[in-house]
Amino acid sequence: MYVGALTLDILLGDVRSLKQKRSAVRPLIAEVQRRYPGVAVAETGHLDLHRRAEIGIAVVSASAGNCTEVLDACERMVAFRPEIELLSARHRLYTDED
């Protein structure tokens, strides 16, 4: 069993309040969940900052290759959104021996 984790640090466009931030982050999380129903997605950091957000994505699979493939696809989907600037992406892969 393999567990893949992806942490995305993103910069939002013209956001001036936490309410606007939620209205930008919620559709992003919903889109990832819609396209990849087997993953878990949540806003995991920078909760008190207006223009920054950290999105965590996790997937469980029988193969390391599948974990990597799904997380790469999620990263590309977020990176190609025009209203978001992807600052960093951190991939981690865990096995049942870790």
Protein backbone atom coordinates (compact mmCIF):
# COMPACT_ATOMS: atom_id res chain seq x y z
CA MET A 1 0.00 0.00 0.00
CA TYR A 2 1.21 3.49 -0.86
CA VAL A 3 -0.02 6.84 0.39
CA GLY A 4 0.85 9.89 -1.67
CA ALA A 5 0.66 13.40 -0.26
CA LEU A 6 0.89 16.67 -2.16
CA THR A 7 1.11 20.08 -0.53
CA LEU A 8 0.47 23.08 -2.78
CA ASP A 9 1.36 26.60 -1.70
CA ILE A 10 -0.66 29.01 -3.81
CA LEU A 11 -0.97 32.77 -4.21
CA LEU A 12 -4.45 34.01 -5.01
CA GLY A 13 -5.19 36.94 -7.29
CA ASP A 14 -6.94 40.13 -6.19
CA VAL A 15 -8.28 38.92 -2.83
CA ARG A 16 -8.89 41.48 -0.08
CA SER A 17 -10.72 39.49 2.59
CA LEU A 18 -11.00 36.01 4.03
CA LYS A 19 -14.51 35.80 2.57
CA GLN A 20 -13.13 36.40 -0.94
CA LYS A 21 -10.41 33.86 -0.23
CA ARG A 22 -13.01 31.22 0.67
CA SER A 23 -14.92 32.00 -2.53
CA ALA A 24 -11.73 31.33 -4.52
CA VAL A 25 -10.46 28.27 -2.63
CA ARG A 26 -13.75 26.37 -2.28
CA PRO A 27 -14.34 26.00 -6.05
CA LEU A 28 -10.72 24.91 -6.50
CA ILE A 29 -11.11 22.14 -3.89
CA ALA A 30 -14.47 21.11 -5.39
CA GLU A 31 -12.94 20.90 -8.88
CA VAL A 32 -10.10 18.64 -7.70
CA GLN A 33 -12.61 16.39 -5.92
CA ARG A 34 -14.87 16.30 -8.99
CA ARG A 35 -12.09 15.39 -11.43
CA TYR A 36 -10.31 12.97 -9.10
CA PRO A 37 -12.95 11.39 -6.83
CA GLY A 38 -10.43 9.04 -5.21
CA VAL A 39 -8.41 11.81 -3.55
CA ALA A 40 -8.87 13.71 -0.31
CA VAL A 41 -8.47 17.50 -0.58
CA ALA A 42 -8.49 20.23 2.06
CA GLU A 43 -7.18 23.70 2.79
CA THR A 44 -4.42 22.91 5.27
CA GLY A 45 -2.48 26.09 5.90
CA HIS A 46 -2.25 29.89 5.73
CA LEU A 47 -5.80 30.03 7.06
CA ASP A 48 -5.47 33.59 8.36
CA LEU A 49 -3.79 35.11 5.28
CA HIS A 50 -5.89 36.71 2.55
CA ARG A 51 -3.86 35.98 -0.57
CA ARG A 52 -2.08 32.74 0.38
CA ALA A 53 -3.47 29.25 0.73
CA GLU A 54 -2.04 25.81 1.30
CA ILE A 55 -3.94 22.92 -0.24
CA GLY A 56 -3.29 19.35 0.85
CA ILE A 57 -4.11 16.41 -1.42
CA ALA A 58 -3.78 12.74 -0.47
CA VAL A 59 -4.29 9.49 -2.37
CA VAL A 60 -4.00 5.81 -1.42
CA SER A 61 -3.05 3.22 -4.03
CA ALA A 62 -1.60 -0.22 -4.51
CA SER A 63 1.26 1.15 -6.63
CA ALA A 64 3.68 4.03 -6.23
CA GLY A 65 3.35 4.89 -9.90
CA ASN A 66 -0.38 5.43 -9.65
CA CYS A 67 0.03 7.68 -6.59
CA THR A 68 2.58 9.79 -8.42
CA GLU A 69 0.48 9.95 -11.58
CA VAL A 70 -2.66 11.12 -9.76
CA LEU A 71 -0.80 13.73 -7.70
CA ASP A 72 1.01 15.07 -10.78
CA ALA A 73 -2.34 15.43 -12.55
CA CYS A 74 -3.79 17.31 -9.56
CA GLU A 75 -0.77 19.61 -9.48
CA ARG A 76 -1.07 20.37 -13.21
CA MET A 77 -4.78 21.11 -12.87
CA VAL A 78 -4.15 23.66 -10.12
CA ALA A 79 -1.09 25.16 -11.84
CA PHE A 80 -2.99 25.86 -15.08
CA ARG A 81 -5.72 27.91 -13.40
CA PRO A 82 -5.20 31.53 -14.50
CA GLU A 83 -6.35 33.16 -11.23
CA ILE A 84 -3.84 31.20 -9.13
CA GLU A 85 -0.06 31.30 -8.96
CA LEU A 86 1.49 28.05 -7.75
CA LEU A 87 4.41 29.01 -5.50
CA SER A 88 5.56 25.51 -4.54
CA ALA A 89 4.53 21.88 -4.67
CA ARG A 90 5.85 19.22 -2.30
CA HIS A 91 5.31 15.51 -3.07
CA ARG A 92 5.73 12.77 -0.46
CA LEU A 93 5.23 9.05 -0.80
CA TYR A 94 4.72 6.76 2.17
CA THR A 95 4.66 2.95 2.23
CA ASP A 96 3.22 0.62 4.81
CA GLU A 97 6.80 0.07 6.02
CA ASP A 98 7.24 3.75 7.01
